[in-house]
């Protein structure tokens, strides 16, 4: 497998949750959120392969809030290939897969959704911003994306989040958004909105 990861089997009738941690996080960070979304789901939780001063990330950045877009594309394809390999290795077949990401993990999930829609069709993104400035014009009419963002988030400014929402909707994705008055965080209201979105 291309990425170090954890895998926990769930009910065969339940979805598979691809958990993508934030900078300096670990695969365990989003387990509580995963349980809220789908208690019986299988969990596929890789480690971010890029080290920034010892903190695990999904792709390089040039400065705070300045993403290395070339590396984003490279790492998004690496993650997409990993998911395809994991489907085969763990016998997941065509089970529903939902990417769940926070911060840097949400950004890489958004990138895979835009660049490799055949791999990730559903994503719940917390504190995400636009990861690639000019993604291909893939047909995302089969994609569903939930975004929860803080109105005062210095790490994921709303202008960049709105850019991401526009890119998704222009390509036909079904997008649901939730706003809170906080900053760079996952809020109880955001989790409740995600749970409601998760079970359409």
Foldseek 3Di string as FASTA:
>chain_A
DLFAWDKAAFPLQAAEEEEFEAWQDFQVPCPVLVCLQPVRHIYIYTWQPDADPNIGAVFDAPDQLHRPLVRLLVSLVVVLVVQVVCCVVVVSPPGHYEYEYAQRRLQSLLVNCQAPVVRHQHYEYELYFHRHQDTDLAQNLSHEYEYEAECAAPRHHVVRVVSSVVSQVVNNYHYHYHYDNDYRDQDPVSSVVSSVSSPD
